[in-house]
């Protein structure tokens, strides 16, 4: 079982609480139709370690693969639009110190409307 807080001090200082994979998936399943629309957008004002954003991106990439894998050109165009390198950027940025929510950290995952 994953701990929901690294330490009481971090919770007190930063309001940091970790959301486990099970909870992330359960919450995203509540808005499943939105996670399956490649042009939908998500705002995560407290992105922390990026658990929600990473799972949203994985789900959207699966949709792109399922819908466009038959047409190589369309698949590549959509995959580039989605930007698979976002996964690396997301993980790299999540490892850095996350500022307090009051500093206005906001993360979006969305795809350009075509």
PDB file of N, CA and C in Angstrom:
ATOM      1  N   UNK A   1       0.839  -1.179   0.000  1.00  0.00           N
ATOM      2  CA  UNK A   1       0.000   0.000   0.000  1.00  0.00           C
ATOM      3  C   UNK A   1       0.886   1.246   0.000  1.00  0.00           C
ATOM      4  N   UNK A   2       0.578   2.180  -0.855  1.00  0.00           N
ATOM      5  CA  UNK A   2       1.351   3.410  -0.978  1.00  0.00           C
ATOM      6  C   UNK A   2       0.974   4.382   0.139  1.00  0.00           C
ATOM      7  N   UNK A   3       1.987   5.008   0.725  1.00  0.00           N
ATOM      8  CA  UNK A   3       1.733   6.013   1.754  1.00  0.00           C
ATOM      9  C   UNK A   3       1.095   7.241   1.115  1.00  0.00           C
ATOM     10  N   UNK A   4       0.190   7.882   1.849  1.00  0.00           N
ATOM     11  CA  UNK A   4      -0.468   9.069   1.316  1.00  0.00           C
ATOM     12  C   UNK A   4       0.244  10.362   1.680  1.00  0.00           C
ATOM     13  N   UNK A   5       1.267  10.268   2.494  1.00  0.00           N
ATOM     14  CA  UNK A   5       2.046  11.455   2.838  1.00  0.00           C
ATOM     15  C   UNK A   5       3.486  11.036   3.091  1.00  0.00           C
ATOM     16  N   UNK A   6       4.427  11.844   2.629  1.00  0.00           N
ATOM     17  CA  UNK A   6       5.840  11.544   2.857  1.00  0.00           C
ATOM     18  C   UNK A   6       6.203  11.794   4.311  1.00  0.00           C
ATOM     19  N   UNK A   7       5.663  12.874   4.862  1.00  0.00           N
ATOM     20  CA  UNK A   7       5.902  13.182   6.271  1.00  0.00           C
ATOM     21  C   UNK A   7       4.855  14.186   6.741  1.00  0.00           C
ATOM     22  N   UNK A   8       4.630  14.221   8.046  1.00  0.00           N
ATOM     23  CA  UNK A   8       3.685  15.191   8.607  1.00  0.00           C
ATOM     24  C   UNK A   8       4.165  16.614   8.338  1.00  0.00           C
ATOM     25  N   UNK A   9       5.472  16.791   8.346  1.00  0.00           N
ATOM     26  CA  UNK A   9       6.030  18.125   8.105  1.00  0.00           C
ATOM     27  C   UNK A   9       5.722  18.605   6.692  1.00  0.00           C
ATOM     28  N   UNK A  10       5.836  17.715   5.712  1.00  0.00           N
ATOM     29  CA  UNK A  10       5.539  18.098   4.322  1.00  0.00           C
ATOM     30  C   UNK A  10       4.060  18.414   4.149  1.00  0.00           C
ATOM     31  N   UNK A  11       3.207  17.669   4.845  1.00  0.00           N
ATOM     32  CA  UNK A  11       1.772  17.969   4.795  1.00  0.00           C
ATOM     33  C   UNK A  11       1.532  19.357   5.384  1.00  0.00           C
ATOM     34  N   UNK A  12       2.163  19.633   6.528  1.00  0.00           N
ATOM     35  CA  UNK A  12       1.990  20.936   7.179  1.00  0.00           C
ATOM     36  C   UNK A  12       2.563  22.077   6.332  1.00  0.00           C
ATOM     37  N   UNK A  13       3.747  21.873   5.765  1.00  0.00           N
ATOM     38  CA  UNK A  13       4.418  22.938   5.008  1.00  0.00           C
ATOM     39  C   UNK A  13       3.836  23.161   3.621  1.00  0.00           C
ATOM     40  N   UNK A  14       3.485  22.075   2.947  1.00  0.00           N
ATOM     41  CA  UNK A  14       3.112  22.170   1.535  1.00  0.00           C
ATOM     42  C   UNK A  14       1.693  21.701   1.234  1.00  0.00           C
ATOM     43  N   UNK A  15       1.013  21.120   2.212  1.00  0.00           N
ATOM     44  CA  UNK A  15      -0.303  20.546   1.941  1.00  0.00           C
ATOM     45  C   UNK A  15      -0.204  19.323   1.049  1.00  0.00           C
ATOM     46  N   UNK A  16       0.962  18.696   1.057  1.00  0.00           N
ATOM     47  CA  UNK A  16       1.245  17.582   0.148  1.00  0.00           C
ATOM     48  C   UNK A  16       0.609  16.286   0.648  1.00  0.00           C
ATOM     49  N   UNK A  17      -0.259  15.739  -0.167  1.00  0.00           N
ATOM     50  CA  UNK A  17      -0.854  14.431   0.094  1.00  0.00           C
ATOM     51  C   UNK A  17      -0.787  13.660  -1.216  1.00  0.00           C
ATOM     52  N   UNK A  18      -0.299  12.444  -1.176  1.00  0.00           N
ATOM     53  CA  UNK A  18      -0.136  11.643  -2.388  1.00  0.00           C
ATOM     54  C   UNK A  18      -1.403  10.843  -2.674  1.00  0.00           C
ATOM     55  N   UNK A  19      -1.804  10.812  -3.925  1.00  0.00           N
ATOM     56  CA  UNK A  19      -2.974  10.047  -4.334  1.00  0.00           C
ATOM     57  C   UNK A  19      -2.487   8.759  -4.976  1.00  0.00           C
ATOM     58  N   UNK A  20      -2.929   7.639  -4.447  1.00  0.00           N
ATOM     59  CA  UNK A  20      -2.498   6.338  -4.942  1.00  0.00           C
ATOM     60  C   UNK A  20      -3.087   5.991  -6.296  1.00  0.00           C
ATOM     61  N   UNK A  21      -2.464   5.022  -6.958  1.00  0.00           N
ATOM     62  CA  UNK A  21      -2.881   4.607  -8.299  1.00  0.00           C
ATOM     63  C   UNK A  21      -4.336   4.142  -8.316  1.00  0.00           C
ATOM     64  N   UNK A  22      -4.737   3.393  -7.308  1.00  0.00           N
ATOM     65  CA  UNK A  22      -6.117   2.898  -7.252  1.00  0.00           C
ATOM     66  C   UNK A  22      -7.112   4.057  -7.218  1.00  0.00           C
ATOM     67  N   UNK A  23      -6.836   5.059  -6.378  1.00  0.00           N
ATOM     68  CA  UNK A  23      -7.721   6.210  -6.273  1.00  0.00           C
ATOM     69  C   UNK A  23      -7.721   7.038  -7.554  1.00  0.00           C
ATOM     70  N   UNK A  24      -6.548   7.209  -8.159  1.00  0.00           N
ATOM     71  CA  UNK A  24      -6.453   7.954  -9.418  1.00  0.00           C
ATOM     72  C   UNK A  24      -7.329   7.296 -10.473  1.00  0.00           C
ATOM     73  N   UNK A  25      -7.185   5.987 -10.638  1.00  0.00           N
ATOM     74  CA  UNK A  25      -7.976   5.282 -11.650  1.00  0.00           C
ATOM     75  C   UNK A  25      -9.462   5.323 -11.340  1.00  0.00           C
ATOM     76  N   UNK A  26      -9.828   5.185 -10.072  1.00  0.00           N
ATOM     77  CA  UNK A  26     -11.246   5.242  -9.696  1.00  0.00           C
ATOM     78  C   UNK A  26     -11.837   6.614 -10.022  1.00  0.00           C
ATOM     79  N   UNK A  27     -11.090   7.670  -9.724  1.00  0.00           N
ATOM     80  CA  UNK A  27     -11.592   9.021 -10.006  1.00  0.00           C
ATOM     81  C   UNK A  27     -11.681   9.285 -11.504  1.00  0.00           C
ATOM     82  N   UNK A  28     -10.674   8.850 -12.251  1.00  0.00           N
ATOM     83  CA  UNK A  28     -10.708   9.065 -13.697  1.00  0.00           C
ATOM     84  C   UNK A  28     -11.794   8.225 -14.358  1.00  0.00           C
ATOM     85  N   UNK A  29     -12.107   7.077 -13.786  1.00  0.00           N
ATOM     86  CA  UNK A  29     -13.204   6.271 -14.318  1.00  0.00           C
ATOM     87  C   UNK A  29     -14.541   6.994 -14.187  1.00  0.00           C
ATOM     88  N   UNK A  30     -14.657   7.894 -13.213  1.00  0.00           N
ATOM     89  CA  UNK A  30     -15.889   8.674 -13.047  1.00  0.00           C
ATOM     90  C   UNK A  30     -16.110   9.638 -14.209  1.00  0.00           C
ATOM     91  N   UNK A  31     -15.039  10.037 -14.868  1.00  0.00           N
ATOM     92  CA  UNK A  31     -15.139  10.933 -16.028  1.00  0.00           C
ATOM     93  C   UNK A  31     -14.574  10.245 -17.274  1.00  0.00           C
ATOM     94  N   UNK A  32     -14.787   8.950 -17.356  1.00  0.00           N
ATOM     95  CA  UNK A  32     -14.207   8.145 -18.434  1.00  0.00           C
ATOM     96  C   UNK A  32     -14.498   8.698 -19.833  1.00  0.00           C
ATOM     97  N   UNK A  33     -15.731   9.145 -20.124  1.00  0.00           N
ATOM     98  CA  UNK A  33     -15.966   9.682 -21.475  1.00  0.00           C
ATOM     99  C   UNK A  33     -15.022  10.837 -21.833  1.00  0.00           C
ATOM    100  N   UNK A  34     -14.684  11.661 -20.861  1.00  0.00           N
ATOM    101  CA  UNK A  34     -13.757  12.765 -21.126  1.00  0.00           C
ATOM    102  C   UNK A  34     -12.340  12.262 -21.377  1.00  0.00           C
ATOM    103  N   UNK A  35     -11.936  11.205 -20.675  1.00  0.00           N
ATOM    104  CA  UNK A  35     -10.579  10.682 -20.880  1.00  0.00           C
ATOM    105  C   UNK A  35     -10.447  10.004 -22.233  1.00  0.00           C
ATOM    106  N   UNK A  36     -11.580   9.657 -22.847  1.00  0.00           N
ATOM    107  CA  UNK A  36     -11.556   8.979 -24.144  1.00  0.00           C
ATOM    108  C   UNK A  36     -11.708   9.941 -25.316  1.00  0.00           C
ATOM    109  N   UNK A  37     -11.894  11.210 -25.048  1.00  0.00           N
ATOM    110  CA  UNK A  37     -11.960  12.210 -26.114  1.00  0.00           C
ATOM    111  C   UNK A  37     -10.582  12.849 -26.239  1.00  0.00           C
ATOM    112  N   UNK A  38      -9.962  12.686 -27.395  1.00  0.00           N
ATOM    113  CA  UNK A  38      -8.590  13.177 -27.507  1.00  0.00           C
ATOM    114  C   UNK A  38      -8.506  14.694 -27.494  1.00  0.00           C
ATOM    115  N   UNK A  39      -9.620  15.387 -27.723  1.00  0.00           N
ATOM    116  CA  UNK A  39      -9.558  16.847 -27.691  1.00  0.00           C
ATOM    117  C   UNK A  39     -10.045  17.437 -26.368  1.00  0.00           C
ATOM    118  N   UNK A  40     -10.374  16.592 -25.398  1.00  0.00           N
ATOM    119  CA  UNK A  40     -10.775  17.122 -24.093  1.00  0.00           C
ATOM    120  C   UNK A  40      -9.543  17.607 -23.341  1.00  0.00           C
ATOM    121  N   UNK A  41      -9.767  18.494 -22.398  1.00  0.00           N
ATOM    122  CA  UNK A  41      -8.654  19.072 -21.640  1.00  0.00           C
ATOM    123  C   UNK A  41      -8.891  18.873 -20.156  1.00  0.00           C
ATOM    124  N   UNK A  42      -7.802  18.756 -19.428  1.00  0.00           N
ATOM    125  CA  UNK A  42      -7.862  18.571 -17.979  1.00  0.00           C
ATOM    126  C   UNK A  42      -6.989  19.614 -17.308  1.00  0.00           C
ATOM    127  N   UNK A  43      -7.511  20.186 -16.256  1.00  0.00           N
ATOM    128  CA  UNK A  43      -6.750  21.124 -15.442  1.00  0.00           C
ATOM    129  C   UNK A  43      -6.434  20.440 -14.127  1.00  0.00           C
ATOM    130  N   UNK A  44      -5.166  20.412 -13.764  1.00  0.00           N
ATOM    131  CA  UNK A  44      -4.737  19.810 -12.494  1.00  0.00           C
ATOM    132  C   UNK A  44      -3.958  20.871 -11.733  1.00  0.00           C
ATOM    133  N   UNK A  45      -4.644  21.662 -10.889  1.00  0.00           N
ATOM    134  CA  UNK A  45      -3.972  22.768 -10.220  1.00  0.00           C
ATOM    135  C   UNK A  45      -2.961  22.344  -9.158  1.00  0.00           C
ATOM    136  N   UNK A  46      -3.024  21.121  -8.707  1.00  0.00           N
ATOM    137  CA  UNK A  46      -2.086  20.637  -7.682  1.00  0.00           C
ATOM    138  C   UNK A  46      -1.399  19.385  -8.190  1.00  0.00           C
ATOM    139  N   UNK A  47      -0.670  19.498  -9.301  1.00  0.00           N
ATOM    140  CA  UNK A  47      -0.195  18.309 -10.018  1.00  0.00           C
ATOM    141  C   UNK A  47       0.782  17.447  -9.238  1.00  0.00           C
ATOM    142  N   UNK A  48       1.430  17.972  -8.224  1.00  0.00           N
ATOM    143  CA  UNK A  48       2.298  17.153  -7.377  1.00  0.00           C
ATOM    144  C   UNK A  48       3.235  16.267  -8.163  1.00  0.00           C
ATOM    145  N   UNK A  49       3.120  14.959  -7.962  1.00  0.00           N
ATOM    146  CA  UNK A  49       3.990  14.016  -8.659  1.00  0.00           C
ATOM    147  C   UNK A  49       3.468  13.659 -10.043  1.00  0.00           C
ATOM    148  N   UNK A  50       2.324  14.180 -10.413  1.00  0.00           N
ATOM    149  CA  UNK A  50       1.801  13.962 -11.757  1.00  0.00           C
ATOM    150  C   UNK A  50       1.008  12.684 -11.935  1.00  0.00           C
ATOM    151  N   UNK A  51       0.559  12.059 -10.853  1.00  0.00           N
ATOM    152  CA  UNK A  51      -0.176  10.794 -10.964  1.00  0.00           C
ATOM    153  C   UNK A  51      -1.385  10.907 -11.888  1.00  0.00           C
ATOM    154  N   UNK A  52      -2.193  11.953 -11.711  1.00  0.00           N
ATOM    155  CA  UNK A  52      -3.385  12.119 -12.541  1.00  0.00           C
ATOM    156  C   UNK A  52      -3.006  12.417 -13.981  1.00  0.00           C
ATOM    157  N   UNK A  53      -2.080  13.341 -14.167  1.00  0.00           N
ATOM    158  CA  UNK A  53      -1.708  13.743 -15.522  1.00  0.00           C
ATOM    159  C   UNK A  53      -1.081  12.603 -16.309  1.00  0.00           C
ATOM    160  N   UNK A  54      -0.254  11.810 -15.660  1.00  0.00           N
ATOM    161  CA  UNK A  54       0.371  10.674 -16.347  1.00  0.00           C
ATOM    162  C   UNK A  54      -0.681   9.665 -16.773  1.00  0.00           C
ATOM    163  N   UNK A  55      -1.635   9.374 -15.914  1.00  0.00           N
ATOM    164  CA  UNK A  55      -2.680   8.400 -16.259  1.00  0.00           C
ATOM    165  C   UNK A  55      -3.601   8.948 -17.343  1.00  0.00           C
ATOM    166  N   UNK A  56      -3.922  10.232 -17.293  1.00  0.00           N
ATOM    167  CA  UNK A  56      -4.742  10.839 -18.349  1.00  0.00           C
ATOM    168  C   UNK A  56      -4.028  10.716 -19.684  1.00  0.00           C
ATOM    169  N   UNK A  57      -2.743  11.021 -19.701  1.00  0.00           N
ATOM    170  CA  UNK A  57      -1.976  10.938 -20.939  1.00  0.00           C
ATOM    171  C   UNK A  57      -1.923   9.506 -21.458  1.00  0.00           C
ATOM    172  N   UNK A  58      -1.710   8.537 -20.574  1.00  0.00           N
ATOM    173  CA  UNK A  58      -1.693   7.128 -20.992  1.00  0.00           C
ATOM    174  C   UNK A  58      -3.020   6.740 -21.622  1.00  0.00           C
ATOM    175  N   UNK A  59      -4.124   7.160 -21.001  1.00  0.00           N
ATOM    176  CA  UNK A  59      -5.449   6.821 -21.534  1.00  0.00           C
ATOM    177  C   UNK A  59      -5.673   7.455 -22.901  1.00  0.00           C
ATOM    178  N   UNK A  60      -5.273   8.700 -23.054  1.00  0.00           N
ATOM    179  CA  UNK A  60      -5.455   9.373 -24.337  1.00  0.00           C
ATOM    180  C   UNK A  60      -4.578   8.746 -25.428  1.00  0.00           C
ATOM    181  N   UNK A  61      -3.366   8.362 -25.084  1.00  0.00           N
ATOM    182  CA  UNK A  61      -2.508   7.701 -26.070  1.00  0.00           C
ATOM    183  C   UNK A  61      -3.082   6.354 -26.490  1.00  0.00           C
ATOM    184  N   UNK A  62      -3.710   5.637 -25.551  1.00  0.00           N
ATOM    185  CA  UNK A  62      -4.373   4.375 -25.906  1.00  0.00           C
ATOM    186  C   UNK A  62      -5.504   4.614 -26.896  1.00  0.00           C
ATOM    187  N   UNK A  63      -6.268   5.689 -26.684  1.00  0.00           N
ATOM    188  CA  UNK A  63      -7.365   6.020 -27.596  1.00  0.00           C
ATOM    189  C   UNK A  63      -6.816   6.318 -28.985  1.00  0.00           C
ATOM    190  N   UNK A  64      -5.752   7.103 -29.052  1.00  0.00           N
ATOM    191  CA  UNK A  64      -5.138   7.412 -30.350  1.00  0.00           C
ATOM    192  C   UNK A  64      -4.708   6.126 -31.037  1.00  0.00           C
ATOM    193  N   UNK A  65      -4.066   5.244 -30.293  1.00  0.00           N
ATOM    194  CA  UNK A  65      -3.613   3.984 -30.886  1.00  0.00           C
ATOM    195  C   UNK A  65      -4.794   3.141 -31.362  1.00  0.00           C
ATOM    196  N   UNK A  66      -5.831   3.030 -30.539  1.00  0.00           N
ATOM    197  CA  UNK A  66      -7.002   2.226 -30.910  1.00  0.00           C
ATOM    198  C   UNK A  66      -7.709   2.780 -32.140  1.00  0.00           C
ATOM    199  N   UNK A  67      -7.828   4.089 -32.220  1.00  0.00           N
ATOM    200  CA  UNK A  67      -8.588   4.706 -33.315  1.00  0.00           C
ATOM    201  C   UNK A  67      -7.802   4.837 -34.604  1.00  0.00           C
ATOM    202  N   UNK A  68      -6.506   5.079 -34.509  1.00  0.00           N
ATOM    203  CA  UNK A  68      -5.757   5.470 -35.701  1.00  0.00           C
ATOM    204  C   UNK A  68      -4.634   4.519 -36.093  1.00  0.00           C
ATOM    205  N   UNK A  69      -4.498   3.407 -35.414  1.00  0.00           N
ATOM    206  CA  UNK A  69      -3.396   2.489 -35.714  1.00  0.00           C
ATOM    207  C   UNK A  69      -3.504   1.889 -37.114  1.00  0.00           C
ATOM    208  N   UNK A  70      -4.719   1.817 -37.665  1.00  0.00           N
ATOM    209  CA  UNK A  70      -4.892   1.224 -38.998  1.00  0.00           C
ATOM    210  C   UNK A  70      -4.325   2.118 -40.093  1.00  0.00           C
ATOM    211  N   UNK A  71      -4.373   3.404 -39.888  1.00  0.00           N
ATOM    212  CA  UNK A  71      -3.838   4.350 -40.856  1.00  0.00           C
ATOM    213  C   UNK A  71      -2.539   4.926 -40.299  1.00  0.00           C
ATOM    214  N   UNK A  72      -1.420   4.495 -40.820  1.00  0.00           N
ATOM    215  CA  UNK A  72      -0.115   4.900 -40.292  1.00  0.00           C
ATOM    216  C   UNK A  72       0.069   6.415 -40.309  1.00  0.00           C
ATOM    217  N   UNK A  73      -0.332   7.046 -41.398  1.00  0.00           N
ATOM    218  CA  UNK A  73      -0.153   8.500 -41.505  1.00  0.00           C
ATOM    219  C   UNK A  73      -0.995   9.217 -40.463  1.00  0.00           C
ATOM    220  N   UNK A  74      -2.266   8.834 -40.342  1.00  0.00           N
ATOM    221  CA  UNK A  74      -3.147   9.478 -39.364  1.00  0.00           C
ATOM    222  C   UNK A  74      -2.675   9.195 -37.942  1.00  0.00           C
ATOM    223  N   UNK A  75      -2.243   7.970 -37.706  1.00  0.00           N
ATOM    224  CA  UNK A  75      -1.741   7.604 -36.378  1.00  0.00           C
ATOM    225  C   UNK A  75      -0.540   8.467 -36.002  1.00  0.00           C
ATOM    226  N   UNK A  76       0.411   8.598 -36.918  1.00  0.00           N
ATOM    227  CA  UNK A  76       1.604   9.393 -36.633  1.00  0.00           C
ATOM    228  C   UNK A  76       1.248  10.859 -36.422  1.00  0.00           C
ATOM    229  N   UNK A  77       0.311  11.376 -37.216  1.00  0.00           N
ATOM    230  CA  UNK A  77      -0.100  12.768 -37.053  1.00  0.00           C
ATOM    231  C   UNK A  77      -0.715  12.983 -35.676  1.00  0.00           C
ATOM    232  N   UNK A  78      -1.607  12.085 -35.271  1.00  0.00           N
ATOM    233  CA  UNK A  78      -2.255  12.209 -33.958  1.00  0.00           C
ATOM    234  C   UNK A  78      -1.253  11.987 -32.834  1.00  0.00           C
ATOM    235  N   UNK A  79      -0.361  11.024 -33.022  1.00  0.00           N
ATOM    236  CA  UNK A  79       0.627  10.743 -31.983  1.00  0.00           C
ATOM    237  C   UNK A  79       1.538  11.947 -31.778  1.00  0.00           C
ATOM    238  N   UNK A  80       1.930  12.581 -32.872  1.00  0.00           N
ATOM    239  CA  UNK A  80       2.764  13.775 -32.760  1.00  0.00           C
ATOM    240  C   UNK A  80       1.979  14.885 -32.075  1.00  0.00           C
ATOM    241  N   UNK A  81       0.697  15.020 -32.444  1.00  0.00           N
ATOM    242  CA  UNK A  81      -0.148  16.029 -31.805  1.00  0.00           C
ATOM    243  C   UNK A  81      -0.218  15.790 -30.309  1.00  0.00           C
ATOM    244  N   UNK A  82      -0.382  14.536 -29.935  1.00  0.00           N
ATOM    245  CA  UNK A  82      -0.461  14.195 -28.520  1.00  0.00           C
ATOM    246  C   UNK A  82       0.872  14.470 -27.842  1.00  0.00           C
ATOM    247  N   UNK A  83       1.945  14.185 -28.510  1.00  0.00           N
ATOM    248  CA  UNK A  83       3.274  14.478 -27.972  1.00  0.00           C
ATOM    249  C   UNK A  83       3.730  13.478 -26.936  1.00  0.00           C
ATOM    250  N   UNK A  84       4.164  12.326 -27.411  1.00  0.00           N
ATOM    251  CA  UNK A  84       4.587  11.294 -26.468  1.00  0.00           C
ATOM    252  C   UNK A  84       5.749  11.739 -25.589  1.00  0.00           C
ATOM    253  N   UNK A  85       6.494  12.729 -26.046  1.00  0.00           N
ATOM    254  CA  UNK A  85       7.586  13.201 -25.198  1.00  0.00           C
ATOM    255  C   UNK A  85       7.068  13.906 -23.953  1.00  0.00           C
ATOM    256  N   UNK A  86       5.771  14.213 -23.913  1.00  0.00           N
ATOM    257  CA  UNK A  86       5.200  14.824 -22.709  1.00  0.00           C
ATOM    258  C   UNK A  86       5.361  13.909 -21.503  1.00  0.00           C
ATOM    259  N   UNK A  87       5.370  12.610 -21.734  1.00  0.00           N
ATOM    260  CA  UNK A  87       5.521  11.675 -20.617  1.00  0.00           C
ATOM    261  C   UNK A  87       6.860  11.911 -19.925  1.00  0.00           C
ATOM    262  N   UNK A  88       7.938  11.983 -20.716  1.00  0.00           N
ATOM    263  CA  UNK A  88       9.254  12.238 -20.129  1.00  0.00           C
ATOM    264  C   UNK A  88       9.295  13.581 -19.418  1.00  0.00           C
ATOM    265  N   UNK A  89       8.740  14.605 -20.060  1.00  0.00           N
ATOM    266  CA  UNK A  89       8.735  15.934 -19.445  1.00  0.00           C
ATOM    267  C   UNK A  89       7.942  15.916 -18.146  1.00  0.00           C
ATOM    268  N   UNK A  90       6.822  15.210 -18.150  1.00  0.00           N
ATOM    269  CA  UNK A  90       5.987  15.138 -16.955  1.00  0.00           C
ATOM    270  C   UNK A  90       6.741  14.486 -15.815  1.00  0.00           C
ATOM    271  N   UNK A  91       7.378  13.346 -16.095  1.00  0.00           N
ATOM    272  CA  UNK A  91       8.112  12.651 -15.034  1.00  0.00           C
ATOM    273  C   UNK A  91       9.301  13.465 -14.556  1.00  0.00           C
ATOM    274  N   UNK A  92      10.018  14.101 -15.486  1.00  0.00           N
ATOM    275  CA  UNK A  92      11.166  14.914 -15.082  1.00  0.00           C
ATOM    276  C   UNK A  92      10.739  16.099 -14.227  1.00  0.00           C
ATOM    277  N   UNK A  93       9.665  16.766 -14.623  1.00  0.00           N
ATOM    278  CA  UNK A  93       9.237  17.936 -13.854  1.00  0.00           C
ATOM    279  C   UNK A  93       8.648  17.542 -12.518  1.00  0.00           C
ATOM    280  N   UNK A  94       8.064  16.350 -12.431  1.00  0.00           N
ATOM    281  CA  UNK A  94       7.454  15.939 -11.167  1.00  0.00           C
ATOM    282  C   UNK A  94       8.510  15.625 -10.117  1.00  0.00           C
ATOM    283  N   UNK A  95       9.720  15.369 -10.530  1.00  0.00           N
ATOM    284  CA  UNK A  95      10.779  15.047  -9.581  1.00  0.00           C
ATOM    285  C   UNK A  95      11.360  16.303  -8.918  1.00  0.00           C
ATOM    286  N   UNK A  96      11.086  17.444  -9.508  1.00  0.00           N
ATOM    287  CA  UNK A  96      11.582  18.697  -8.938  1.00  0.00           C
ATOM    288  C   UNK A  96      10.657  19.128  -7.804  1.00  0.00           C
ATOM    289  N   UNK A  97      11.131  20.023  -7.002  1.00  0.00           N
ATOM    290  CA  UNK A  97      10.304  20.530  -5.896  1.00  0.00           C
ATOM    291  C   UNK A  97       9.060  21.197  -6.460  1.00  0.00           C
ATOM    292  N   UNK A  98       7.938  20.894  -5.860  1.00  0.00           N
ATOM    293  CA  UNK A  98       6.669  21.465  -6.301  1.00  0.00           C
ATOM    294  C   UNK A  98       6.347  22.657  -5.412  1.00  0.00           C
ATOM    295  N   UNK A  99       6.124  23.821  -6.005  1.00  0.00           N
ATOM    296  CA  UNK A  99       5.806  24.987  -5.189  1.00  0.00           C
ATOM    297  C   UNK A  99       4.451  24.843  -4.506  1.00  0.00           C
ATOM    298  N   UNK A 100       4.242  25.639  -3.480  1.00  0.00           N
ATOM    299  CA  UNK A 100       2.953  25.628  -2.789  1.00  0.00           C
ATOM    300  C   UNK A 100       1.853  25.992  -3.785  1.00  0.00           C
ATOM    301  N   UNK A 101       0.652  25.424  -3.612  1.00  0.00           N
ATOM    302  CA  UNK A 101      -0.445  25.752  -4.528  1.00  0.00           C
ATOM    303  C   UNK A 101      -0.707  27.253  -4.621  1.00  0.00           C
ATOM    304  N   UNK A 102      -0.433  27.990  -3.565  1.00  0.00           N
ATOM    305  CA  UNK A 102      -0.683  29.433  -3.584  1.00  0.00           C
ATOM    306  C   UNK A 102       0.215  30.165  -4.581  1.00  0.00           C
ATOM    307  N   UNK A 103       1.266  29.513  -5.029  1.00  0.00           N
ATOM    308  CA  UNK A 103       2.164  30.134  -6.012  1.00  0.00           C
ATOM    309  C   UNK A 103       1.642  29.970  -7.434  1.00  0.00           C
ATOM    310  N   UNK A 104       0.511  29.323  -7.579  1.00  0.00           N
ATOM    311  CA  UNK A 104      -0.143  29.283  -8.876  1.00  0.00           C
ATOM    312  C   UNK A 104       0.349  28.225  -9.836  1.00  0.00           C
ATOM    313  N   UNK A 105       0.814  27.100  -9.349  1.00  0.00           N
ATOM    314  CA  UNK A 105       1.232  26.033 -10.248  1.00  0.00           C
ATOM    315  C   UNK A 105      -0.007  25.411 -10.880  1.00  0.00           C
ATOM    316  N   UNK A 106      -0.060  25.400 -12.176  1.00  0.00           N
ATOM    317  CA  UNK A 106      -1.201  24.839 -12.880  1.00  0.00           C
ATOM    318  C   UNK A 106      -0.679  23.979 -14.017  1.00  0.00           C
ATOM    319  N   UNK A 107      -1.199  22.783 -14.144  1.00  0.00           N
ATOM    320  CA  UNK A 107      -0.791  21.890 -15.228  1.00  0.00           C
ATOM    321  C   UNK A 107      -2.000  21.524 -16.066  1.00  0.00           C
ATOM    322  N   UNK A 108      -1.811  21.545 -17.367  1.00  0.00           N
ATOM    323  CA  UNK A 108      -2.863  21.169 -18.308  1.00  0.00           C
ATOM    324  C   UNK A 108      -2.382  19.980 -19.121  1.00  0.00           C
ATOM    325  N   UNK A 109      -3.299  19.097 -19.426  1.00  0.00           N
ATOM    326  CA  UNK A 109      -3.049  18.128 -20.488  1.00  0.00           C
ATOM    327  C   UNK A 109      -4.231  18.264 -21.412  1.00  0.00           C
ATOM    328  N   UNK A 110      -3.945  18.575 -22.639  1.00  0.00           N
ATOM    329  CA  UNK A 110      -4.998  18.721 -23.628  1.00  0.00           C
ATOM    330  C   UNK A 110      -4.355  18.652 -24.991  1.00  0.00           C
ATOM    331  N   UNK A 111      -5.172  18.529 -25.981  1.00  0.00           N
ATOM    332  CA  UNK A 111      -4.668  18.396 -27.324  1.00  0.00           C
ATOM    333  C   UNK A 111      -5.261  19.506 -28.171  1.00  0.00           C
ATOM    334  N   UNK A 112      -4.521  19.996 -29.117  1.00  0.00           N
ATOM    335  CA  UNK A 112      -5.039  21.072 -29.956  1.00  0.00           C
ATOM    336  C   UNK A 112      -6.318  20.640 -30.654  1.00  0.00           C
ATOM    337  N   UNK A 113      -7.236  21.538 -30.720  1.00  0.00           N
ATOM    338  CA  UNK A 113      -8.485  21.250 -31.436  1.00  0.00           C
ATOM    339  C   UNK A 113      -8.199  21.404 -32.924  1.00  0.00           C
ATOM    340  N   UNK A 114      -8.589  20.389 -33.688  1.00  0.00           N
ATOM    341  CA  UNK A 114      -8.305  20.435 -35.128  1.00  0.00           C
ATOM    342  C   UNK A 114      -9.556  20.658 -35.923  1.00  0.00           C
TER     343      UNK A 114
END
